[in-house]
Amino acid sequence: MLTVPSISPQGLIVTQKSQKFAEVSWMKLSLPEARGFITNYTISYYPANIKRELIPLKIVTKIVDKDTNKTTISHIERNTSYVFQVFASTSAGDGDYSETTFLPTTFESMLLCTAVYCLISSSIS
């Protein structure tokens, strides 16, 4: 019987490639982890900053083919930090989101993201 994936994609890495583009990559799920055949991966991301208390302003999703484990995100804005997650889907449905990864687009926002990540991590522990 097919079910949704047992785990979320691991190893999510986001790298800024230019002022307006970022590359997102992850490790594909194995067949046992997928509990069936992966139909696609979905990347969700949104801008966030501490002044807005990490409230998603505009969640954007990008669906990519099952055979891919990386994609390019375009139209990222300068001076903005982004939150990224990915999940896998099978014909039975969507799996869980991966852990959150932050992308700061300036040195100042990199410091902000580090501080926010520390706050989130300490509140989860």
PDB file of N, CA and C in Angstrom:
ATOM      1  N   MET A   1       0.844  -1.186   0.000  1.00  0.00           N
ATOM      2  CA  MET A   1       0.000   0.000   0.000  1.00  0.00           C
ATOM      3  C   MET A   1       0.891   1.252   0.000  1.00  0.00           C
ATOM      4  N   LEU A   2       0.597   2.176  -0.874  1.00  0.00           N
ATOM      5  CA  LEU A   2       1.352   3.417  -0.954  1.00  0.00           C
ATOM      6  C   LEU A   2       0.867   4.408   0.089  1.00  0.00           C
ATOM      7  N   THR A   3       1.820   5.092   0.709  1.00  0.00           N
ATOM      8  CA  THR A   3       1.477   6.157   1.642  1.00  0.00           C
ATOM      9  C   THR A   3       2.388   7.345   1.354  1.00  0.00           C
ATOM     10  N   VAL A   4       2.244   8.379   2.137  1.00  0.00           N
ATOM     11  CA  VAL A   4       3.103   9.554   1.960  1.00  0.00           C
ATOM     12  C   VAL A   4       4.511   9.221   2.446  1.00  0.00           C
ATOM     13  N   PRO A   5       5.510   9.981   2.005  1.00  0.00           N
ATOM     14  CA  PRO A   5       6.893   9.705   2.430  1.00  0.00           C
ATOM     15  C   PRO A   5       7.046   9.673   3.951  1.00  0.00           C
ATOM     16  N   SER A   6       7.922   8.772   4.417  1.00  0.00           N
ATOM     17  CA  SER A   6       8.113   8.595   5.863  1.00  0.00           C
ATOM     18  C   SER A   6       8.957   9.696   6.487  1.00  0.00           C
ATOM     19  N   ILE A   7       9.799  10.347   5.685  1.00  0.00           N
ATOM     20  CA  ILE A   7      10.618  11.445   6.185  1.00  0.00           C
ATOM     21  C   ILE A   7      10.595  12.591   5.188  1.00  0.00           C
ATOM     22  N   SER A   8      11.040  13.732   5.644  1.00  0.00           N
ATOM     23  CA  SER A   8      11.147  14.885   4.744  1.00  0.00           C
ATOM     24  C   SER A   8      12.518  14.857   4.068  1.00  0.00           C
ATOM     25  N   PRO A   9      12.648  15.542   2.933  1.00  0.00           N
ATOM     26  CA  PRO A   9      13.966  15.624   2.299  1.00  0.00           C
ATOM     27  C   PRO A   9      14.993  16.231   3.264  1.00  0.00           C
ATOM     28  N   GLN A  10      16.191  15.694   3.239  1.00  0.00           N
ATOM     29  CA  GLN A  10      17.260  16.139   4.136  1.00  0.00           C
ATOM     30  C   GLN A  10      18.292  16.941   3.352  1.00  0.00           C
ATOM     31  N   GLY A  11      19.178  17.610   4.084  1.00  0.00           N
ATOM     32  CA  GLY A  11      20.309  18.290   3.470  1.00  0.00           C
ATOM     33  C   GLY A  11      19.942  19.498   2.630  1.00  0.00           C
ATOM     34  N   LEU A  12      18.912  20.219   3.028  1.00  0.00           N
ATOM     35  CA  LEU A  12      18.489  21.405   2.272  1.00  0.00           C
ATOM     36  C   LEU A  12      19.567  22.478   2.362  1.00  0.00           C
ATOM     37  N   ILE A  13      20.044  22.906   1.194  1.00  0.00           N
ATOM     38  CA  ILE A  13      21.073  23.947   1.108  1.00  0.00           C
ATOM     39  C   ILE A  13      20.584  25.031   0.164  1.00  0.00           C
ATOM     40  N   VAL A  14      20.699  26.277   0.593  1.00  0.00           N
ATOM     41  CA  VAL A  14      20.326  27.413  -0.249  1.00  0.00           C
ATOM     42  C   VAL A  14      21.558  28.297  -0.396  1.00  0.00           C
ATOM     43  N   THR A  15      21.908  28.586  -1.652  1.00  0.00           N
ATOM     44  CA  THR A  15      23.089  29.378  -1.953  1.00  0.00           C
ATOM     45  C   THR A  15      22.706  30.525  -2.863  1.00  0.00           C
ATOM     46  N   GLN A  16      23.086  31.728  -2.486  1.00  0.00           N
ATOM     47  CA  GLN A  16      22.823  32.873  -3.355  1.00  0.00           C
ATOM     48  C   GLN A  16      23.812  32.850  -4.508  1.00  0.00           C
ATOM     49  N   LYS A  17      23.304  32.863  -5.747  1.00  0.00           N
ATOM     50  CA  LYS A  17      24.152  32.793  -6.939  1.00  0.00           C
ATOM     51  C   LYS A  17      24.416  34.167  -7.543  1.00  0.00           C
ATOM     52  N   SER A  18      23.523  35.099  -7.337  1.00  0.00           N
ATOM     53  CA  SER A  18      23.691  36.475  -7.808  1.00  0.00           C
ATOM     54  C   SER A  18      22.728  37.329  -7.003  1.00  0.00           C
ATOM     55  N   GLN A  19      22.631  38.609  -7.346  1.00  0.00           N
ATOM     56  CA  GLN A  19      21.737  39.490  -6.589  1.00  0.00           C
ATOM     57  C   GLN A  19      20.284  39.035  -6.639  1.00  0.00           C
ATOM     58  N   LYS A  20      19.871  38.395  -7.712  1.00  0.00           N
ATOM     59  CA  LYS A  20      18.462  38.047  -7.864  1.00  0.00           C
ATOM     60  C   LYS A  20      18.179  36.554  -7.940  1.00  0.00           C
ATOM     61  N   PHE A  21      19.217  35.717  -7.850  1.00  0.00           N
ATOM     62  CA  PHE A  21      19.024  34.277  -8.002  1.00  0.00           C
ATOM     63  C   PHE A  21      19.658  33.497  -6.859  1.00  0.00           C
ATOM     64  N   ALA A  22      18.971  32.426  -6.469  1.00  0.00           N
ATOM     65  CA  ALA A  22      19.497  31.508  -5.461  1.00  0.00           C
ATOM     66  C   ALA A  22      19.307  30.084  -5.970  1.00  0.00           C
ATOM     67  N   GLU A  23      20.197  29.187  -5.541  1.00  0.00           N
ATOM     68  CA  GLU A  23      20.058  27.775  -5.879  1.00  0.00           C
ATOM     69  C   GLU A  23      19.660  27.016  -4.624  1.00  0.00           C
ATOM     70  N   VAL A  24      18.660  26.168  -4.762  1.00  0.00           N
ATOM     71  CA  VAL A  24      18.172  25.343  -3.661  1.00  0.00           C
ATOM     72  C   VAL A  24      18.460  23.887  -4.030  1.00  0.00           C
ATOM     73  N   SER A  25      19.076  23.143  -3.114  1.00  0.00           N
ATOM     74  CA  SER A  25      19.353  21.725  -3.367  1.00  0.00           C
ATOM     75  C   SER A  25      19.017  20.910  -2.120  1.00  0.00           C
ATOM     76  N   TRP A  26      18.777  19.609  -2.314  1.00  0.00           N
ATOM     77  CA  TRP A  26      18.409  18.706  -1.226  1.00  0.00           C
ATOM     78  C   TRP A  26      18.776  17.295  -1.659  1.00  0.00           C
ATOM     79  N   MET A  27      18.721  16.375  -0.705  1.00  0.00           N
ATOM     80  CA  MET A  27      18.971  14.969  -1.007  1.00  0.00           C
ATOM     81  C   MET A  27      17.634  14.316  -1.357  1.00  0.00           C
ATOM     82  N   LYS A  28      17.617  13.585  -2.472  1.00  0.00           N
ATOM     83  CA  LYS A  28      16.398  12.879  -2.867  1.00  0.00           C
ATOM     84  C   LYS A  28      16.102  11.760  -1.873  1.00  0.00           C
ATOM     85  N   LEU A  29      14.832  11.430  -1.734  1.00  0.00           N
ATOM     86  CA  LEU A  29      14.443  10.318  -0.869  1.00  0.00           C
ATOM     87  C   LEU A  29      14.659   8.995  -1.588  1.00  0.00           C
ATOM     88  N   SER A  30      15.058   7.981  -0.838  1.00  0.00           N
ATOM     89  CA  SER A  30      15.186   6.631  -1.391  1.00  0.00           C
ATOM     90  C   SER A  30      13.781   6.035  -1.526  1.00  0.00           C
ATOM     91  N   LEU A  31      13.653   4.950  -2.243  1.00  0.00           N
ATOM     92  CA  LEU A  31      12.356   4.308  -2.427  1.00  0.00           C
ATOM     93  C   LEU A  31      11.725   3.898  -1.094  1.00  0.00           C
ATOM     94  N   PRO A  32      12.488   3.274  -0.154  1.00  0.00           N
ATOM     95  CA  PRO A  32      11.873   2.941   1.143  1.00  0.00           C
ATOM     96  C   PRO A  32      11.412   4.189   1.916  1.00  0.00           C
ATOM     97  N   GLU A  33      12.202   5.264   1.872  1.00  0.00           N
ATOM     98  CA  GLU A  33      11.814   6.501   2.567  1.00  0.00           C
ATOM     99  C   GLU A  33      10.588   7.126   1.915  1.00  0.00           C
ATOM    100  N   ALA A  34      10.499   7.006   0.595  1.00  0.00           N
ATOM    101  CA  ALA A  34       9.391   7.606  -0.145  1.00  0.00           C
ATOM    102  C   ALA A  34       8.091   6.833   0.049  1.00  0.00           C
ATOM    103  N   ARG A  35       8.195   5.539   0.406  1.00  0.00           N
ATOM    104  CA  ARG A  35       7.024   4.663   0.556  1.00  0.00           C
ATOM    105  C   ARG A  35       6.192   4.614  -0.728  1.00  0.00           C
ATOM    106  N   GLY A  36       6.859   4.684  -1.823  1.00  0.00           N
ATOM    107  CA  GLY A  36       6.205   4.698  -3.133  1.00  0.00           C
ATOM    108  C   GLY A  36       7.097   5.482  -4.074  1.00  0.00           C
ATOM    109  N   PHE A  37       6.553   5.855  -5.192  1.00  0.00           N
ATOM    110  CA  PHE A  37       7.331   6.608  -6.166  1.00  0.00           C
ATOM    111  C   PHE A  37       7.073   8.097  -6.009  1.00  0.00           C
ATOM    112  N   ILE A  38       8.160   8.862  -5.892  1.00  0.00           N
ATOM    113  CA  ILE A  38       8.040  10.317  -5.781  1.00  0.00           C
ATOM    114  C   ILE A  38       7.461  10.845  -7.089  1.00  0.00           C
ATOM    115  N   THR A  39       6.473  11.728  -6.979  1.00  0.00           N
ATOM    116  CA  THR A  39       5.892  12.361  -8.174  1.00  0.00           C
ATOM    117  C   THR A  39       6.502  13.736  -8.407  1.00  0.00           C
ATOM    118  N   ASN A  40       6.861  14.429  -7.331  1.00  0.00           N
ATOM    119  CA  ASN A  40       7.495  15.743  -7.449  1.00  0.00           C
ATOM    120  C   ASN A  40       7.998  16.200  -6.084  1.00  0.00           C
ATOM    121  N   TYR A  41       8.807  17.263  -6.114  1.00  0.00           N
ATOM    122  CA  TYR A  41       9.244  17.959  -4.906  1.00  0.00           C
ATOM    123  C   TYR A  41       8.693  19.373  -4.976  1.00  0.00           C
ATOM    124  N   THR A  42       8.312  19.922  -3.833  1.00  0.00           N
ATOM    125  CA  THR A  42       7.796  21.292  -3.779  1.00  0.00           C
ATOM    126  C   THR A  42       8.668  22.114  -2.847  1.00  0.00           C
ATOM    127  N   ILE A  43       9.147  23.231  -3.358  1.00  0.00           N
ATOM    128  CA  ILE A  43       9.945  24.160  -2.566  1.00  0.00           C
ATOM    129  C   ILE A  43       9.046  25.332  -2.199  1.00  0.00           C
ATOM    130  N   SER A  44       9.000  25.671  -0.926  1.00  0.00           N
ATOM    131  CA  SER A  44       8.243  26.842  -0.468  1.00  0.00           C
ATOM    132  C   SER A  44       9.224  27.823   0.145  1.00  0.00           C
ATOM    133  N   TYR A  45       9.017  29.094  -0.144  1.00  0.00           N
ATOM    134  CA  TYR A  45       9.881  30.109   0.440  1.00  0.00           C
ATOM    135  C   TYR A  45       9.118  31.409   0.586  1.00  0.00           C
ATOM    136  N   TYR A  46       9.583  32.217   1.529  1.00  0.00           N
ATOM    137  CA  TYR A  46       8.965  33.518   1.754  1.00  0.00           C
ATOM    138  C   TYR A  46       9.964  34.454   2.416  1.00  0.00           C
ATOM    139  N   PRO A  47       9.785  35.762   2.177  1.00  0.00           N
ATOM    140  CA  PRO A  47      10.649  36.737   2.843  1.00  0.00           C
ATOM    141  C   PRO A  47      10.256  36.846   4.313  1.00  0.00           C
ATOM    142  N   ALA A  48      11.246  37.071   5.146  1.00  0.00           N
ATOM    143  CA  ALA A  48      10.983  37.221   6.579  1.00  0.00           C
ATOM    144  C   ALA A  48      12.014  38.154   7.177  1.00  0.00           C
ATOM    145  N   ASN A  49      11.611  38.902   8.172  1.00  0.00           N
ATOM    146  CA  ASN A  49      12.561  39.697   8.934  1.00  0.00           C
ATOM    147  C   ASN A  49      12.029  39.903  10.335  1.00  0.00           C
ATOM    148  N   ILE A  50      12.899  40.282  11.218  1.00  0.00           N
ATOM    149  CA  ILE A  50      12.516  40.374  12.622  1.00  0.00           C
ATOM    150  C   ILE A  50      11.483  41.473  12.876  1.00  0.00           C
ATOM    151  N   LYS A  51      11.481  42.518  12.071  1.00  0.00           N
ATOM    152  CA  LYS A  51      10.492  43.579  12.256  1.00  0.00           C
ATOM    153  C   LYS A  51       9.076  43.075  12.009  1.00  0.00           C
ATOM    154  N   ARG A  52       8.964  42.057  11.191  1.00  0.00           N
ATOM    155  CA  ARG A  52       7.645  41.488  10.908  1.00  0.00           C
ATOM    156  C   ARG A  52       7.438  40.177  11.651  1.00  0.00           C
ATOM    157  N   GLU A  53       8.301  39.894  12.598  1.00  0.00           N
ATOM    158  CA  GLU A  53       8.200  38.752  13.496  1.00  0.00           C
ATOM    159  C   GLU A  53       8.055  37.424  12.768  1.00  0.00           C
ATOM    160  N   LEU A  54       8.779  37.289  11.642  1.00  0.00           N
ATOM    161  CA  LEU A  54       8.778  36.058  10.865  1.00  0.00           C
ATOM    162  C   LEU A  54       7.406  35.639  10.362  1.00  0.00           C
ATOM    163  N   ILE A  55       6.498  36.580  10.215  1.00  0.00           N
ATOM    164  CA  ILE A  55       5.192  36.278   9.641  1.00  0.00           C
ATOM    165  C   ILE A  55       5.352  36.208   8.130  1.00  0.00           C
ATOM    166  N   PRO A  56       4.930  35.094   7.519  1.00  0.00           N
ATOM    167  CA  PRO A  56       5.067  35.006   6.060  1.00  0.00           C
ATOM    168  C   PRO A  56       4.309  36.133   5.370  1.00  0.00           C
ATOM    169  N   LEU A  57       5.012  36.843   4.512  1.00  0.00           N
ATOM    170  CA  LEU A  57       4.385  37.935   3.776  1.00  0.00           C
ATOM    171  C   LEU A  57       3.787  37.428   2.474  1.00  0.00           C
ATOM    172  N   LYS A  58       4.536  36.604   1.802  1.00  0.00           N
ATOM    173  CA  LYS A  58       4.092  36.067   0.525  1.00  0.00           C
ATOM    174  C   LYS A  58       4.776  34.724   0.323  1.00  0.00           C
ATOM    175  N   ILE A  59       4.048  33.658   0.551  1.00  0.00           N
ATOM    176  CA  ILE A  59       4.616  32.326   0.375  1.00  0.00           C
ATOM    177  C   ILE A  59       4.591  31.991  -1.112  1.00  0.00           C
ATOM    178  N   VAL A  60       5.755  31.602  -1.621  1.00  0.00           N
ATOM    179  CA  VAL A  60       5.895  31.222  -3.016  1.00  0.00           C
ATOM    180  C   VAL A  60       6.242  29.741  -3.054  1.00  0.00           C
ATOM    181  N   THR A  61       5.628  29.001  -3.964  1.00  0.00           N
ATOM    182  CA  THR A  61       5.975  27.591  -4.114  1.00  0.00           C
ATOM    183  C   THR A  61       6.450  27.335  -5.539  1.00  0.00           C
ATOM    184  N   LYS A  62       7.359  26.399  -5.638  1.00  0.00           N
ATOM    185  CA  LYS A  62       7.861  25.970  -6.938  1.00  0.00           C
ATOM    186  C   LYS A  62       7.876  24.452  -6.930  1.00  0.00           C
ATOM    187  N   ILE A  63       7.203  23.850  -7.889  1.00  0.00           N
ATOM    188  CA  ILE A  63       7.138  22.394  -7.999  1.00  0.00           C
ATOM    189  C   ILE A  63       8.141  21.955  -9.055  1.00  0.00           C
ATOM    190  N   VAL A  64       8.960  20.964  -8.694  1.00  0.00           N
ATOM    191  CA  VAL A  64       9.973  20.470  -9.623  1.00  0.00           C
ATOM    192  C   VAL A  64       9.801  18.964  -9.826  1.00  0.00           C
ATOM    193  N   ASP A  65      10.357  18.483 -10.899  1.00  0.00           N
ATOM    194  CA  ASP A  65      10.259  17.091 -11.307  1.00  0.00           C
ATOM    195  C   ASP A  65      10.866  16.147 -10.264  1.00  0.00           C
ATOM    196  N   LYS A  66      10.362  14.948 -10.220  1.00  0.00           N
ATOM    197  CA  LYS A  66      10.827  13.924  -9.271  1.00  0.00           C
ATOM    198  C   LYS A  66      12.302  13.565  -9.441  1.00  0.00           C
ATOM    199  N   ASP A  67      12.831  13.756 -10.640  1.00  0.00           N
ATOM    200  CA  ASP A  67      14.215  13.372 -10.911  1.00  0.00           C
ATOM    201  C   ASP A  67      15.223  14.458 -10.559  1.00  0.00           C
ATOM    202  N   THR A  68      14.748  15.574 -10.085  1.00  0.00           N
ATOM    203  CA  THR A  68      15.647  16.694  -9.798  1.00  0.00           C
ATOM    204  C   THR A  68      15.883  16.808  -8.301  1.00  0.00           C
ATOM    205  N   ASN A  69      17.044  17.328  -7.927  1.00  0.00           N
ATOM    206  CA  ASN A  69      17.297  17.594  -6.504  1.00  0.00           C
ATOM    207  C   ASN A  69      17.874  18.999  -6.311  1.00  0.00           C
ATOM    208  N   LYS A  70      17.696  19.845  -7.333  1.00  0.00           N
ATOM    209  CA  LYS A  70      18.063  21.249  -7.161  1.00  0.00           C
ATOM    210  C   LYS A  70      17.300  22.088  -8.183  1.00  0.00           C
ATOM    211  N   THR A  71      17.159  23.357  -7.831  1.00  0.00           N
ATOM    212  CA  THR A  71      16.459  24.281  -8.711  1.00  0.00           C
ATOM    213  C   THR A  71      16.946  25.694  -8.439  1.00  0.00           C
ATOM    214  N   THR A  72      16.700  26.566  -9.392  1.00  0.00           N
ATOM    215  CA  THR A  72      17.061  27.973  -9.241  1.00  0.00           C
ATOM    216  C   THR A  72      15.814  28.771  -8.901  1.00  0.00           C
ATOM    217  N   ILE A  73      15.954  29.625  -7.919  1.00  0.00           N
ATOM    218  CA  ILE A  73      14.877  30.533  -7.519  1.00  0.00           C
ATOM    219  C   ILE A  73      15.256  31.912  -8.037  1.00  0.00           C
ATOM    220  N   SER A  74      14.341  32.535  -8.745  1.00  0.00           N
ATOM    221  CA  SER A  74      14.635  33.860  -9.299  1.00  0.00           C
ATOM    222  C   SER A  74      13.831  34.937  -8.576  1.00  0.00           C
ATOM    223  N   HIS A  75      14.201  36.143  -8.813  1.00  0.00           N
ATOM    224  CA  HIS A  75      13.511  37.332  -8.285  1.00  0.00           C
ATOM    225  C   HIS A  75      13.574  37.454  -6.764  1.00  0.00           C
ATOM    226  N   ILE A  76      14.683  37.012  -6.166  1.00  0.00           N
ATOM    227  CA  ILE A  76      14.841  37.301  -4.743  1.00  0.00           C
ATOM    228  C   ILE A  76      15.233  38.768  -4.609  1.00  0.00           C
ATOM    229  N   GLU A  77      14.843  39.372  -3.524  1.00  0.00           N
ATOM    230  CA  GLU A  77      15.072  40.803  -3.330  1.00  0.00           C
ATOM    231  C   GLU A  77      16.280  41.042  -2.433  1.00  0.00           C
ATOM    232  N   ARG A  78      17.001  42.105  -2.737  1.00  0.00           N
ATOM    233  CA  ARG A  78      18.130  42.495  -1.893  1.00  0.00           C
ATOM    234  C   ARG A  78      17.627  42.946  -0.535  1.00  0.00           C
ATOM    235  N   ASN A  79      18.502  42.871   0.447  1.00  0.00           N
ATOM    236  CA  ASN A  79      18.205  43.316   1.820  1.00  0.00           C
ATOM    237  C   ASN A  79      17.010  42.583   2.425  1.00  0.00           C
ATOM    238  N   THR A  80      16.828  41.356   2.033  1.00  0.00           N
ATOM    239  CA  THR A  80      15.713  40.553   2.531  1.00  0.00           C
ATOM    240  C   THR A  80      16.238  39.180   2.912  1.00  0.00           C
ATOM    241  N   SER A  81      15.759  38.657   4.015  1.00  0.00           N
ATOM    242  CA  SER A  81      16.079  37.285   4.395  1.00  0.00           C
ATOM    243  C   SER A  81      14.932  36.396   3.944  1.00  0.00           C
ATOM    244  N   TYR A  82      15.263  35.197   3.506  1.00  0.00           N
ATOM    245  CA  TYR A  82      14.244  34.255   3.038  1.00  0.00           C
ATOM    246  C   TYR A  82      14.278  32.975   3.850  1.00  0.00           C
ATOM    247  N   VAL A  83      13.120  32.379   4.015  1.00  0.00           N
ATOM    248  CA  VAL A  83      12.956  31.103   4.688  1.00  0.00           C
ATOM    249  C   VAL A  83      12.595  30.077   3.612  1.00  0.00           C
ATOM    250  N   PHE A  84      13.304  28.940   3.584  1.00  0.00           N
ATOM    251  CA  PHE A  84      13.071  27.896   2.588  1.00  0.00           C
ATOM    252  C   PHE A  84      12.752  26.569   3.258  1.00  0.00           C
ATOM    253  N   GLN A  85      11.854  25.798   2.624  1.00  0.00           N
ATOM    254  CA  GLN A  85      11.565  24.425   3.015  1.00  0.00           C
ATOM    255  C   GLN A  85      11.211  23.635   1.755  1.00  0.00           C
ATOM    256  N   VAL A  86      11.323  22.314   1.835  1.00  0.00           N
ATOM    257  CA  VAL A  86      10.974  21.457   0.698  1.00  0.00           C
ATOM    258  C   VAL A  86      10.226  20.232   1.221  1.00  0.00           C
ATOM    259  N   PHE A  87       9.304  19.699   0.417  1.00  0.00           N
ATOM    260  CA  PHE A  87       8.686  18.420   0.752  1.00  0.00           C
ATOM    261  C   PHE A  87       8.538  17.584  -0.511  1.00  0.00           C
ATOM    262  N   ALA A  88       8.414  16.265  -0.312  1.00  0.00           N
ATOM    263  CA  ALA A  88       8.244  15.326  -1.415  1.00  0.00           C
ATOM    264  C   ALA A  88       6.796  14.867  -1.460  1.00  0.00           C
ATOM    265  N   SER A  89       6.335  14.528  -2.659  1.00  0.00           N
ATOM    266  CA  SER A  89       4.970  14.023  -2.837  1.00  0.00           C
ATOM    267  C   SER A  89       5.002  12.689  -3.560  1.00  0.00           C
ATOM    268  N   THR A  90       4.046  11.835  -3.210  1.00  0.00           N
ATOM    269  CA  THR A  90       3.795  10.590  -3.939  1.00  0.00           C
ATOM    270  C   THR A  90       2.351  10.642  -4.406  1.00  0.00           C
ATOM    271  N   SER A  91       1.899   9.613  -5.097  1.00  0.00           N
ATOM    272  CA  SER A  91       0.504   9.590  -5.533  1.00  0.00           C
ATOM    273  C   SER A  91      -0.456   9.532  -4.344  1.00  0.00           C
ATOM    274  N   ALA A  92       0.059   9.144  -3.170  1.00  0.00           N
ATOM    275  CA  ALA A  92      -0.766   9.089  -1.968  1.00  0.00           C
ATOM    276  C   ALA A  92      -0.887  10.436  -1.261  1.00  0.00           C
ATOM    277  N   GLY A  93      -0.008  11.394  -1.601  1.00  0.00           N
ATOM    278  CA  GLY A  93      -0.093  12.709  -0.973  1.00  0.00           C
ATOM    279  C   GLY A  93       1.270  13.316  -0.695  1.00  0.00           C
ATOM    280  N   ASP A  94       1.239  14.415   0.063  1.00  0.00           N
ATOM    281  CA  ASP A  94       2.440  15.183   0.378  1.00  0.00           C
ATOM    282  C   ASP A  94       3.060  14.725   1.693  1.00  0.00           C
ATOM    283  N   GLY A  95       4.388  14.689   1.714  1.00  0.00           N
ATOM    284  CA  GLY A  95       5.107  14.388   2.943  1.00  0.00           C
ATOM    285  C   GLY A  95       5.289  15.644   3.780  1.00  0.00           C
ATOM    286  N   ASP A  96       6.047  15.511   4.852  1.00  0.00           N
ATOM    287  CA  ASP A  96       6.311  16.636   5.747  1.00  0.00           C
ATOM    288  C   ASP A  96       7.348  17.583   5.147  1.00  0.00           C
ATOM    289  N   TYR A  97       7.277  18.845   5.576  1.00  0.00           N
ATOM    290  CA  TYR A  97       8.288  19.820   5.187  1.00  0.00           C
ATOM    291  C   TYR A  97       9.629  19.481   5.817  1.00  0.00           C
ATOM    292  N   SER A  98      10.684  19.828   5.107  1.00  0.00           N
ATOM    293  CA  SER A  98      12.042  19.694   5.640  1.00  0.00           C
ATOM    294  C   SER A  98      12.258  20.719   6.742  1.00  0.00           C
ATOM    295  N   GLU A  99      13.418  20.640   7.370  1.00  0.00           N
ATOM    296  CA  GLU A  99      13.797  21.686   8.307  1.00  0.00           C
ATOM    297  C   GLU A  99      13.925  23.003   7.554  1.00  0.00           C
ATOM    298  N   THR A 100      13.765  24.080   8.268  1.00  0.00           N
ATOM    299  CA  THR A 100      13.846  25.419   7.688  1.00  0.00           C
ATOM    300  C   THR A 100      15.301  25.810   7.441  1.00  0.00           C
ATOM    301  N   THR A 101      15.535  26.436   6.292  1.00  0.00           N
ATOM    302  CA  THR A 101      16.850  26.993   5.975  1.00  0.00           C
ATOM    303  C   THR A 101      16.664  28.459   5.621  1.00  0.00           C
ATOM    304  N   PHE A 102      17.550  29.306   6.120  1.00  0.00           N
ATOM    305  CA  PHE A 102      17.472  30.743   5.879  1.00  0.00           C
ATOM    306  C   PHE A 102      18.466  31.165   4.807  1.00  0.00           C
ATOM    307  N   LEU A 103      18.086  32.157   4.008  1.00  0.00           N
ATOM    308  CA  LEU A 103      18.997  32.781   3.054  1.00  0.00           C
ATOM    309  C   LEU A 103      19.002  34.277   3.311  1.00  0.00           C
ATOM    310  N   PRO A 104      20.090  34.799   3.866  1.00  0.00           N
ATOM    311  CA  PRO A 104      20.221  36.254   3.972  1.00  0.00           C
ATOM    312  C   PRO A 104      20.793  36.802   2.673  1.00  0.00           C
ATOM    313  N   THR A 105      20.338  37.973   2.239  1.00  0.00           N
ATOM    314  CA  THR A 105      20.849  38.526   0.976  1.00  0.00           C
ATOM    315  C   THR A 105      21.805  39.693   1.177  1.00  0.00           C
ATOM    316  N   THR A 106      22.118  40.032   2.414  1.00  0.00           N
ATOM    317  CA  THR A 106      23.149  41.029   2.723  1.00  0.00           C
ATOM    318  C   THR A 106      23.852  40.601   4.002  1.00  0.00           C
ATOM    319  N   PHE A 107      24.967  41.233   4.298  1.00  0.00           N
ATOM    320  CA  PHE A 107      25.673  40.927   5.536  1.00  0.00           C
ATOM    321  C   PHE A 107      24.789  41.233   6.751  1.00  0.00           C
ATOM    322  N   GLU A 108      24.066  42.357   6.707  1.00  0.00           N
ATOM    323  CA  GLU A 108      23.208  42.726   7.833  1.00  0.00           C
ATOM    324  C   GLU A 108      22.107  41.692   8.037  1.00  0.00           C
ATOM    325  N   SER A 109      21.500  41.233   6.939  1.00  0.00           N
ATOM    326  CA  SER A 109      20.434  40.252   7.103  1.00  0.00           C
ATOM    327  C   SER A 109      20.996  38.891   7.486  1.00  0.00           C
ATOM    328  N   MET A 110      22.265  38.597   7.122  1.00  0.00           N
ATOM    329  CA  MET A 110      22.892  37.360   7.560  1.00  0.00           C
ATOM    330  C   MET A 110      23.008  37.367   9.080  1.00  0.00           C
ATOM    331  N   LEU A 111      23.408  38.512   9.657  1.00  0.00           N
ATOM    332  CA  LEU A 111      23.483  38.613  11.120  1.00  0.00           C
ATOM    333  C   LEU A 111      22.106  38.470  11.738  1.00  0.00           C
ATOM    334  N   LEU A 112      21.097  39.070  11.114  1.00  0.00           N
ATOM    335  CA  LEU A 112      19.729  38.979  11.599  1.00  0.00           C
ATOM    336  C   LEU A 112      19.253  37.532  11.572  1.00  0.00           C
ATOM    337  N   CYS A 113      19.497  36.836  10.474  1.00  0.00           N
ATOM    338  CA  CYS A 113      19.073  35.442  10.360  1.00  0.00           C
ATOM    339  C   CYS A 113      19.755  34.578  11.407  1.00  0.00           C
ATOM    340  N   THR A 114      21.029  34.815  11.642  1.00  0.00           N
ATOM    341  CA  THR A 114      21.744  34.046  12.647  1.00  0.00           C
ATOM    342  C   THR A 114      21.110  34.271  14.011  1.00  0.00           C
ATOM    343  N   ALA A 115      20.783  35.501  14.335  1.00  0.00           N
ATOM    344  CA  ALA A 115      20.146  35.804  15.620  1.00  0.00           C
ATOM    345  C   ALA A 115      18.771  35.164  15.700  1.00  0.00           C
ATOM    346  N   VAL A 116      17.981  35.252  14.640  1.00  0.00           N
ATOM    347  CA  VAL A 116      16.635  34.673  14.625  1.00  0.00           C
ATOM    348  C   VAL A 116      16.726  33.162  14.743  1.00  0.00           C
ATOM    349  N   TYR A 117      17.654  32.533  14.001  1.00  0.00           N
ATOM    350  CA  TYR A 117      17.819  31.092  14.066  1.00  0.00           C
ATOM    351  C   TYR A 117      18.157  30.660  15.491  1.00  0.00           C
ATOM    352  N   CYS A 118      19.031  31.400  16.143  1.00  0.00           N
ATOM    353  CA  CYS A 118      19.390  31.086  17.534  1.00  0.00           C
ATOM    354  C   CYS A 118      18.170  31.185  18.440  1.00  0.00           C
ATOM    355  N   LEU A 119      17.352  32.211  18.235  1.00  0.00           N
ATOM    356  CA  LEU A 119      16.145  32.364  19.029  1.00  0.00           C
ATOM    357  C   LEU A 119      15.178  31.207  18.805  1.00  0.00           C
ATOM    358  N   ILE A 120      14.979  30.824  17.544  1.00  0.00           N
ATOM    359  CA  ILE A 120      14.070  29.725  17.228  1.00  0.00           C
ATOM    360  C   ILE A 120      14.613  28.432  17.794  1.00  0.00           C
ATOM    361  N   SER A 121      15.895  28.166  17.622  1.00  0.00           N
ATOM    362  CA  SER A 121      16.499  26.930  18.110  1.00  0.00           C
ATOM    363  C   SER A 121      16.389  26.820  19.624  1.00  0.00           C
ATOM    364  N   SER A 122      16.633  27.919  20.326  1.00  0.00           N
ATOM    365  CA  SER A 122      16.585  27.853  21.787  1.00  0.00           C
ATOM    366  C   SER A 122      15.156  27.706  22.281  1.00  0.00           C
ATOM    367  N   SER A 123      14.159  28.207  21.540  1.00  0.00           N
ATOM    368  CA  SER A 123      12.777  28.070  21.982  1.00  0.00           C
ATOM    369  C   SER A 123      12.251  26.668  21.713  1.00  0.00           C
ATOM    370  N   ILE A 124      12.839  25.948  20.732  1.00  0.00           N
ATOM    371  CA  ILE A 124      12.423  24.587  20.435  1.00  0.00           C
ATOM    372  C   ILE A 124      13.018  23.618  21.441  1.00  0.00           C
ATOM    373  N   SER A 125      14.241  23.882  21.881  1.00  0.00           N
ATOM    374  CA  SER A 125      14.942  22.965  22.794  1.00  0.00           C
ATOM    375  C   SER A 125      14.290  22.897  24.142  1.00  0.00           C
TER     376      SER A 125
END
